[in-house]
PDB file of all heavy atoms in Angstrom:
ATOM      1  N   ASP A   1      45.612  77.862 134.552  1.00  0.00           N
ATOM      2  CA  ASP A   1      45.505  77.505 133.148  1.00  0.00           C
ATOM      3  C   ASP A   1      45.959  78.632 132.263  1.00  0.00           C
ATOM      4  O   ASP A   1      45.152  79.396 131.757  1.00  0.00           O
ATOM      5  CB  ASP A   1      44.067  77.073 132.778  1.00  0.00           C
ATOM      6  CG  ASP A   1      43.880  76.702 131.328  1.00  0.00           C
ATOM      7  OD1 ASP A   1      44.908  76.422 130.665  1.00  0.00           O
ATOM      8  OD2 ASP A   1      42.713  76.709 130.876  1.00  0.00           O
ATOM      9  N   PRO A   2      47.278  78.796 132.022  1.00  0.00           N
ATOM     10  CA  PRO A   2      47.803  79.927 131.300  1.00  0.00           C
ATOM     11  C   PRO A   2      47.805  79.765 129.755  1.00  0.00           C
ATOM     12  O   PRO A   2      48.772  80.072 129.058  1.00  0.00           O
ATOM     13  CB  PRO A   2      49.228  80.054 131.823  1.00  0.00           C
ATOM     14  CG  PRO A   2      49.598  78.660 132.109  1.00  0.00           C
ATOM     15  CD  PRO A   2      48.377  77.918 132.554  1.00  0.00           C
ATOM     16  N   THR A   3      46.656  79.279 129.254  1.00  0.00           N
ATOM     17  CA  THR A   3      46.547  79.101 127.799  1.00  0.00           C
ATOM     18  C   THR A   3      45.970  80.344 127.179  1.00  0.00           C
ATOM     19  O   THR A   3      45.325  81.205 127.823  1.00  0.00           O
ATOM     20  CB  THR A   3      45.619  77.879 127.468  1.00  0.00           C
ATOM     21  OG1 THR A   3      44.304  78.189 128.027  1.00  0.00           O
ATOM     22  CG2 THR A   3      46.183  76.652 128.097  1.00  0.00           C
ATOM     23  N   GLN A   4      46.194  80.528 125.849  1.00  0.00           N
ATOM     24  CA  GLN A   4      45.630  81.652 125.154  1.00  0.00           C
ATOM     25  C   GLN A   4      44.122  81.667 125.168  1.00  0.00           C
ATOM     26  O   GLN A   4      43.505  82.707 125.326  1.00  0.00           O
ATOM     27  CB  GLN A   4      46.104  81.632 123.712  1.00  0.00           C
ATOM     28  CG  GLN A   4      45.727  82.906 122.966  1.00  0.00           C
ATOM     29  CD  GLN A   4      46.339  84.199 123.510  1.00  0.00           C
ATOM     30  OE1 GLN A   4      47.575  84.198 123.803  1.00  0.00           O
ATOM     31  NE2 GLN A   4      45.529  85.248 123.687  1.00  0.00           N
ATOM     32  N   ARG A   5      43.520  80.484 125.060  1.00  0.00           N
ATOM     33  CA  ARG A   5      42.073  80.434 125.087  1.00  0.00           C
ATOM     34  C   ARG A   5      41.500  80.915 126.400  1.00  0.00           C
ATOM     35  O   ARG A   5      40.552  81.621 126.486  1.00  0.00           O
ATOM     36  CB  ARG A   5      41.632  78.964 124.830  1.00  0.00           C
ATOM     37  CG  ARG A   5      40.142  78.769 124.792  1.00  0.00           C
ATOM     38  CD  ARG A   5      39.743  77.320 124.495  1.00  0.00           C
ATOM     39  NE  ARG A   5      38.327  77.129 124.498  1.00  0.00           N
ATOM     40  CZ  ARG A   5      37.737  75.960 124.239  1.00  0.00           C
ATOM     41  NH1 ARG A   5      38.464  74.882 123.983  1.00  0.00           N
ATOM     42  NH2 ARG A   5      36.433  75.894 124.334  1.00  0.00           N
ATOM     43  N   GLN A   6      42.157  80.463 127.474  1.00  0.00           N
ATOM     44  CA  GLN A   6      41.719  80.914 128.820  1.00  0.00           C
ATOM     45  C   GLN A   6      41.902  82.404 128.953  1.00  0.00           C
ATOM     46  O   GLN A   6      41.058  83.161 129.509  1.00  0.00           O
ATOM     47  CB  GLN A   6      42.476  80.173 129.924  1.00  0.00           C
ATOM     48  CG  GLN A   6      42.316  80.674 131.326  1.00  0.00           C
ATOM     49  CD  GLN A   6      41.047  80.238 131.946  1.00  0.00           C
ATOM     50  OE1 GLN A   6      39.969  80.238 131.297  1.00  0.00           O
ATOM     51  NE2 GLN A   6      41.075  79.809 133.202  1.00  0.00           N
ATOM     52  N   LEU A   7      43.049  82.925 128.481  1.00  0.00           N
ATOM     53  CA  LEU A   7      43.342  84.371 128.621  1.00  0.00           C
ATOM     54  C   LEU A   7      42.308  85.178 127.844  1.00  0.00           C
ATOM     55  O   LEU A   7      41.839  86.191 128.307  1.00  0.00           O
ATOM     56  CB  LEU A   7      44.735  84.669 128.089  1.00  0.00           C
ATOM     57  CG  LEU A   7      45.167  86.117 128.171  1.00  0.00           C
ATOM     58  CD1 LEU A   7      45.092  86.704 129.558  1.00  0.00           C
ATOM     59  CD2 LEU A   7      46.585  86.296 127.565  1.00  0.00           C
ATOM     60  N   ASP A   8      41.992  84.761 126.624  1.00  0.00           N
ATOM     61  CA  ASP A   8      40.990  85.450 125.818  1.00  0.00           C
ATOM     62  C   ASP A   8      39.637  85.577 126.577  1.00  0.00           C
ATOM     63  O   ASP A   8      38.986  86.615 126.606  1.00  0.00           O
ATOM     64  CB  ASP A   8      40.743  84.782 124.477  1.00  0.00           C
ATOM     65  CG  ASP A   8      41.943  84.889 123.538  1.00  0.00           C
ATOM     66  OD1 ASP A   8      42.814  85.786 123.771  1.00  0.00           O
ATOM     67  OD2 ASP A   8      42.034  84.117 122.576  1.00  0.00           O
ATOM     68  N   SER A   9      39.271  84.470 127.194  1.00  0.00           N
ATOM     69  CA  SER A   9      38.015  84.455 127.938  1.00  0.00           C
ATOM     70  C   SER A   9      38.053  85.384 129.176  1.00  0.00           C
ATOM     71  O   SER A   9      37.171  86.134 129.465  1.00  0.00           O
ATOM     72  CB  SER A   9      37.677  83.014 128.362  1.00  0.00           C
ATOM     73  OG  SER A   9      36.542  82.984 129.229  1.00  0.00           O
ATOM     74  N   LEU A  10      39.199  85.329 129.919  1.00  0.00           N
ATOM     75  CA  LEU A  10      39.319  86.164 131.098  1.00  0.00           C
ATOM     76  C   LEU A  10      39.325  87.640 130.768  1.00  0.00           C
ATOM     77  O   LEU A  10      38.713  88.467 131.439  1.00  0.00           O
ATOM     78  CB  LEU A  10      40.585  85.768 131.848  1.00  0.00           C
ATOM     79  CG  LEU A  10      40.569  84.334 132.497  1.00  0.00           C
ATOM     80  CD1 LEU A  10      41.968  84.045 133.000  1.00  0.00           C
ATOM     81  CD2 LEU A  10      39.512  84.255 133.577  1.00  0.00           C
ATOM     82  N   LEU A  11      40.069  88.034 129.719  1.00  0.00           N
ATOM     83  CA  LEU A  11      40.137  89.459 129.353  1.00  0.00           C
ATOM     84  C   LEU A  11      38.783  89.972 128.911  1.00  0.00           C
ATOM     85  O   LEU A  11      38.442  91.087 129.153  1.00  0.00           O
ATOM     86  CB  LEU A  11      41.207  89.652 128.286  1.00  0.00           C
ATOM     87  CG  LEU A  11      42.650  89.383 128.693  1.00  0.00           C
ATOM     88  CD1 LEU A  11      43.617  89.617 127.513  1.00  0.00           C
ATOM     89  CD2 LEU A  11      43.072  90.281 129.905  1.00  0.00           C
ATOM     90  N   GLN A  12      38.041  89.101 128.222  1.00  0.00           N
ATOM     91  CA  GLN A  12      36.658  89.510 127.815  1.00  0.00           C
ATOM     92  C   GLN A  12      35.799  89.740 129.050  1.00  0.00           C
ATOM     93  O   GLN A  12      34.983  90.675 129.106  1.00  0.00           O
ATOM     94  CB  GLN A  12      36.053  88.455 126.921  1.00  0.00           C
ATOM     95  CG  GLN A  12      34.627  88.748 126.491  1.00  0.00           C
ATOM     96  CD  GLN A  12      34.519  90.057 125.759  1.00  0.00           C
ATOM     97  OE1 GLN A  12      35.110  90.240 124.695  1.00  0.00           O
ATOM     98  NE2 GLN A  12      33.754  91.022 126.295  1.00  0.00           N
ATOM     99  N   GLN A  13      35.926  88.861 130.051  1.00  0.00           N
ATOM    100  CA  GLN A  13      35.132  88.965 131.287  1.00  0.00           C
ATOM    101  C   GLN A  13      35.508  90.246 131.959  1.00  0.00           C
ATOM    102  O   GLN A  13      34.628  90.993 132.474  1.00  0.00           O
ATOM    103  CB  GLN A  13      35.368  87.799 132.169  1.00  0.00           C
ATOM    104  CG  GLN A  13      34.868  86.464 131.663  1.00  0.00           C
ATOM    105  CD  GLN A  13      35.262  85.321 132.521  1.00  0.00           C
ATOM    106  OE1 GLN A  13      35.445  85.418 133.751  1.00  0.00           O
ATOM    107  NE2 GLN A  13      35.489  84.134 131.916  1.00  0.00           N
ATOM    108  N   LEU A  14      36.793  90.588 132.055  1.00  0.00           N
ATOM    109  CA  LEU A  14      37.249  91.819 132.737  1.00  0.00           C
ATOM    110  C   LEU A  14      36.763  93.046 131.975  1.00  0.00           C
ATOM    111  O   LEU A  14      36.415  94.025 132.561  1.00  0.00           O
ATOM    112  CB  LEU A  14      38.750  91.798 132.883  1.00  0.00           C
ATOM    113  CG  LEU A  14      39.306  90.780 133.906  1.00  0.00           C
ATOM    114  CD1 LEU A  14      40.799  90.584 133.746  1.00  0.00           C
ATOM    115  CD2 LEU A  14      38.992  91.200 135.314  1.00  0.00           C
ATOM    116  N   GLU A  15      36.788  92.975 130.677  1.00  0.00           N
ATOM    117  CA  GLU A  15      36.285  94.082 129.877  1.00  0.00           C
ATOM    118  C   GLU A  15      34.812  94.309 130.076  1.00  0.00           C
ATOM    119  O   GLU A  15      34.386  95.479 130.196  1.00  0.00           O
ATOM    120  CB  GLU A  15      36.601  93.839 128.375  1.00  0.00           C
ATOM    121  CG  GLU A  15      36.027  94.899 127.445  1.00  0.00           C
ATOM    122  CD  GLU A  15      36.578  96.282 127.706  1.00  0.00           C
ATOM    123  OE1 GLU A  15      37.561  96.451 128.453  1.00  0.00           O
ATOM    124  OE2 GLU A  15      36.014  97.266 127.160  1.00  0.00           O
ATOM    125  N   THR A  16      34.052  93.237 130.222  1.00  0.00           N
ATOM    126  CA  THR A  16      32.614  93.368 130.518  1.00  0.00           C
ATOM    127  C   THR A  16      32.390  94.049 131.848  1.00  0.00           C
ATOM    128  O   THR A  16      31.526  94.957 131.966  1.00  0.00           O
ATOM    129  CB  THR A  16      31.949  91.977 130.518  1.00  0.00           C
ATOM    130  OG1 THR A  16      32.135  91.346 129.214  1.00  0.00           O
ATOM    131  CG2 THR A  16      30.456  92.082 130.853  1.00  0.00           C
ATOM    132  N   VAL A  17      33.188  93.672 132.879  1.00  0.00           N
ATOM    133  CA  VAL A  17      33.074  94.339 134.179  1.00  0.00           C
ATOM    134  C   VAL A  17      33.444  95.815 134.063  1.00  0.00           C
ATOM    135  O   VAL A  17      32.795  96.687 134.638  1.00  0.00           O
ATOM    136  CB  VAL A  17      33.959  93.610 135.225  1.00  0.00           C
ATOM    137  CG1 VAL A  17      33.873  94.363 136.552  1.00  0.00           C
ATOM    138  CG2 VAL A  17      33.483  92.157 135.368  1.00  0.00           C
ATOM    139  N   ARG A  18      34.545  96.129 133.353  1.00  0.00           N
ATOM    140  CA  ARG A  18      34.934  97.560 133.183  1.00  0.00           C
ATOM    141  C   ARG A  18      33.822  98.356 132.560  1.00  0.00           C
ATOM    142  O   ARG A  18      33.494  99.441 133.038  1.00  0.00           O
ATOM    143  CB  ARG A  18      36.193  97.612 132.322  1.00  0.00           C
ATOM    144  CG  ARG A  18      36.732  99.041 132.108  1.00  0.00           C
ATOM    145  CD  ARG A  18      37.816  99.118 131.077  1.00  0.00           C
ATOM    146  NE  ARG A  18      37.317  98.981 129.690  1.00  0.00           N
ATOM    147  CZ  ARG A  18      36.935 100.002 128.955  1.00  0.00           C
ATOM    148  NH1 ARG A  18      36.983 101.262 129.425  1.00  0.00           N
ATOM    149  NH2 ARG A  18      36.497  99.809 127.745  1.00  0.00           N
ATOM    150  N   VAL A  19      33.208  97.878 131.507  1.00  0.00           N
ATOM    151  CA  VAL A  19      32.189  98.630 130.803  1.00  0.00           C
ATOM    152  C   VAL A  19      31.007  98.826 131.755  1.00  0.00           C
ATOM    153  O   VAL A  19      30.405  99.941 131.811  1.00  0.00           O
ATOM    154  CB  VAL A  19      31.769  97.884 129.491  1.00  0.00           C
ATOM    155  CG1 VAL A  19      30.534  98.570 128.916  1.00  0.00           C
ATOM    156  CG2 VAL A  19      32.915  97.931 128.521  1.00  0.00           C
ATOM    157  N   GLN A  20      30.633  97.754 132.484  1.00  0.00           N
ATOM    158  CA  GLN A  20      29.504  97.915 133.368  1.00  0.00           C
ATOM    159  C   GLN A  20      29.722  98.882 134.487  1.00  0.00           C
ATOM    160  O   GLN A  20      28.846  99.705 134.829  1.00  0.00           O
ATOM    161  CB  GLN A  20      29.148  96.516 133.943  1.00  0.00           C
ATOM    162  CG  GLN A  20      27.853  96.506 134.791  1.00  0.00           C
ATOM    163  CD  GLN A  20      26.650  96.909 134.038  1.00  0.00           C
ATOM    164  OE1 GLN A  20      26.374  96.307 132.939  1.00  0.00           O
ATOM    165  NE2 GLN A  20      25.934  97.893 134.444  1.00  0.00           N
ATOM    166  N   VAL A  21      30.933  98.842 135.061  1.00  0.00           N
ATOM    167  CA  VAL A  21      31.278  99.778 136.149  1.00  0.00           C
ATOM    168  C   VAL A  21      31.249 101.216 135.652  1.00  0.00           C
ATOM    169  O   VAL A  21      30.749 102.112 136.301  1.00  0.00           O
ATOM    170  CB  VAL A  21      32.633  99.398 136.755  1.00  0.00           C
ATOM    171  CG1 VAL A  21      33.148 100.558 137.679  1.00  0.00           C
ATOM    172  CG2 VAL A  21      32.580  98.113 137.563  1.00  0.00           C
ATOM    173  N   ASN A  22      31.826 101.409 134.449  1.00  0.00           N
ATOM    174  CA  ASN A  22      31.825 102.773 133.895  1.00  0.00           C
ATOM    175  C   ASN A  22      30.408 103.244 133.580  1.00  0.00           C
ATOM    176  O   ASN A  22      30.094 104.438 133.807  1.00  0.00           O
ATOM    177  CB  ASN A  22      32.670 102.794 132.616  1.00  0.00           C
ATOM    178  CG  ASN A  22      34.149 102.737 132.875  1.00  0.00           C
ATOM    179  OD1 ASN A  22      34.603 102.876 134.019  1.00  0.00           O
ATOM    180  ND2 ASN A  22      34.940 102.570 131.823  1.00  0.00           N
ATOM    181  N   THR A  23      29.571 102.344 133.120  1.00  0.00           N
ATOM    182  CA  THR A  23      28.162 102.723 132.860  1.00  0.00           C
ATOM    183  C   THR A  23      27.437 103.094 134.118  1.00  0.00           C
ATOM    184  O   THR A  23      26.748 104.083 134.206  1.00  0.00           O
ATOM    185  CB  THR A  23      27.432 101.536 132.160  1.00  0.00           C
ATOM    186  OG1 THR A  23      28.113 101.231 130.969  1.00  0.00           O
ATOM    187  CG2 THR A  23      25.989 101.897 131.863  1.00  0.00           C
ATOM    188  N   ASP A  24      27.629 102.322 135.191  1.00  0.00           N
ATOM    189  CA  ASP A  24      27.005 102.550 136.519  1.00  0.00           C
ATOM    190  C   ASP A  24      27.413 103.878 137.105  1.00  0.00           C
ATOM    191  O   ASP A  24      26.595 104.589 137.736  1.00  0.00           O
ATOM    192  CB  ASP A  24      27.249 101.393 137.479  1.00  0.00           C
ATOM    193  CG  ASP A  24      26.598 100.109 137.010  1.00  0.00           C
ATOM    194  OD1 ASP A  24      25.704 100.191 136.133  1.00  0.00           O
ATOM    195  OD2 ASP A  24      27.010  99.057 137.550  1.00  0.00           O
ATOM    196  N   SER A  25      28.686 104.274 136.904  1.00  0.00           N
ATOM    197  CA  SER A  25      29.171 105.470 137.550  1.00  0.00           C
ATOM    198  C   SER A  25      29.156 106.695 136.642  1.00  0.00           C
ATOM    199  O   SER A  25      29.355 107.847 137.082  1.00  0.00           O
ATOM    200  CB  SER A  25      30.615 105.276 138.036  1.00  0.00           C
ATOM    201  OG  SER A  25      31.447 104.985 136.963  1.00  0.00           O
ATOM    202  N   GLY A  26      28.845 106.488 135.342  1.00  0.00           N
ATOM    203  CA  GLY A  26      28.909 107.577 134.408  1.00  0.00           C
ATOM    204  C   GLY A  26      27.732 108.557 134.394  1.00  0.00           C
ATOM    205  O   GLY A  26      27.725 109.543 133.752  1.00  0.00           O
ATOM    206  N   THR A  27      26.692 108.237 135.184  1.00  0.00           N
ATOM    207  CA  THR A  27      25.488 109.098 135.238  1.00  0.00           C
ATOM    208  C   THR A  27      25.682 110.319 136.129  1.00  0.00           C
ATOM    209  O   THR A  27      24.915 111.250 136.041  1.00  0.00           O
ATOM    210  CB  THR A  27      24.308 108.284 135.691  1.00  0.00           C
ATOM    211  OG1 THR A  27      24.556 107.713 136.972  1.00  0.00           O
ATOM    212  CG2 THR A  27      23.971 107.141 134.750  1.00  0.00           C
ATOM    213  N   ASP A  28      26.669 110.270 136.977  1.00  0.00           N
ATOM    214  CA  ASP A  28      26.881 111.400 137.938  1.00  0.00           C
ATOM    215  C   ASP A  28      27.869 112.324 137.381  1.00  0.00           C
ATOM    216  O   ASP A  28      29.100 112.129 137.438  1.00  0.00           O
ATOM    217  CB  ASP A  28      27.355 110.825 139.303  1.00  0.00           C
ATOM    218  CG  ASP A  28      27.474 111.888 140.352  1.00  0.00           C
ATOM    219  OD1 ASP A  28      27.196 113.058 140.034  1.00  0.00           O
ATOM    220  OD2 ASP A  28      27.771 111.558 141.531  1.00  0.00           O
ATOM    221  N   ARG A  29      27.384 113.438 136.816  1.00  0.00           N
ATOM    222  CA  ARG A  29      28.303 114.375 136.155  1.00  0.00           C
ATOM    223  C   ARG A  29      28.913 115.361 137.153  1.00  0.00           C
ATOM    224  O   ARG A  29      29.710 116.237 136.754  1.00  0.00           O
ATOM    225  CB  ARG A  29      27.506 115.162 135.082  1.00  0.00           C
ATOM    226  CG  ARG A  29      27.057 114.222 133.931  1.00  0.00           C
ATOM    227  CD  ARG A  29      26.346 115.034 132.862  1.00  0.00           C
ATOM    228  NE  ARG A  29      25.875 114.155 131.826  1.00  0.00           N
ATOM    229  CZ  ARG A  29      26.629 113.682 130.808  1.00  0.00           C
ATOM    230  NH1 ARG A  29      27.861 114.068 130.736  1.00  0.00           N
ATOM    231  NH2 ARG A  29      26.097 112.892 129.886  1.00  0.00           N
ATOM    232  N   THR A  30      28.494 115.318 138.415  1.00  0.00           N
ATOM    233  CA  THR A  30      29.023 116.213 139.435  1.00  0.00           C
ATOM    234  C   THR A  30      30.251 115.644 140.160  1.00  0.00           C
ATOM    235  O   THR A  30      30.812 116.258 141.005  1.00  0.00           O
ATOM    236  CB  THR A  30      27.961 116.560 140.516  1.00  0.00           C
ATOM    237  OG1 THR A  30      27.640 115.359 141.228  1.00  0.00           O
ATOM    238  CG2 THR A  30      26.703 117.128 139.829  1.00  0.00           C
ATOM    239  N   PHE A  31      30.640 114.395 139.749  1.00  0.00           N
ATOM    240  CA  PHE A  31      31.724 113.743 140.484  1.00  0.00           C
ATOM    241  C   PHE A  31      32.625 113.059 139.434  1.00  0.00           C
ATOM    242  O   PHE A  31      32.172 112.395 138.530  1.00  0.00           O
ATOM    243  CB  PHE A  31      31.166 112.630 141.369  1.00  0.00           C
ATOM    244  CG  PHE A  31      32.150 111.898 142.226  1.00  0.00           C
ATOM    245  CD1 PHE A  31      32.432 112.327 143.502  1.00  0.00           C
ATOM    246  CD2 PHE A  31      32.823 110.838 141.735  1.00  0.00           C
ATOM    247  CE1 PHE A  31      33.367 111.682 144.280  1.00  0.00           C
ATOM    248  CE2 PHE A  31      33.819 110.213 142.516  1.00  0.00           C
ATOM    249  CZ  PHE A  31      34.080 110.654 143.797  1.00  0.00           C
ATOM    250  N   ARG A  32      33.896 113.263 139.629  1.00  0.00           N
ATOM    251  CA  ARG A  32      34.869 112.639 138.704  1.00  0.00           C
ATOM    252  C   ARG A  32      35.959 111.968 139.511  1.00  0.00           C
ATOM    253  O   ARG A  32      36.566 112.606 140.347  1.00  0.00           O
ATOM    254  CB  ARG A  32      35.492 113.658 137.768  1.00  0.00           C
ATOM    255  CG  ARG A  32      36.505 113.024 136.816  1.00  0.00           C
ATOM    256  CD  ARG A  32      37.082 114.083 135.834  1.00  0.00           C
ATOM    257  NE  ARG A  32      36.008 114.709 135.034  1.00  0.00           N
ATOM    258  CZ  ARG A  32      36.202 115.781 134.263  1.00  0.00           C
ATOM    259  NH1 ARG A  32      37.346 116.341 134.209  1.00  0.00           N
ATOM    260  NH2 ARG A  32      35.211 116.291 133.535  1.00  0.00           N
TER     261      ARG A  32
END
């Protein structure tokens, strides 16, 4: 379903995952 509405929803979902992953891994300051 290559519609703009579908794309907006998918990109928001991916952004949510990105933020969560960065939050989960951001507490370890000894590892980059």
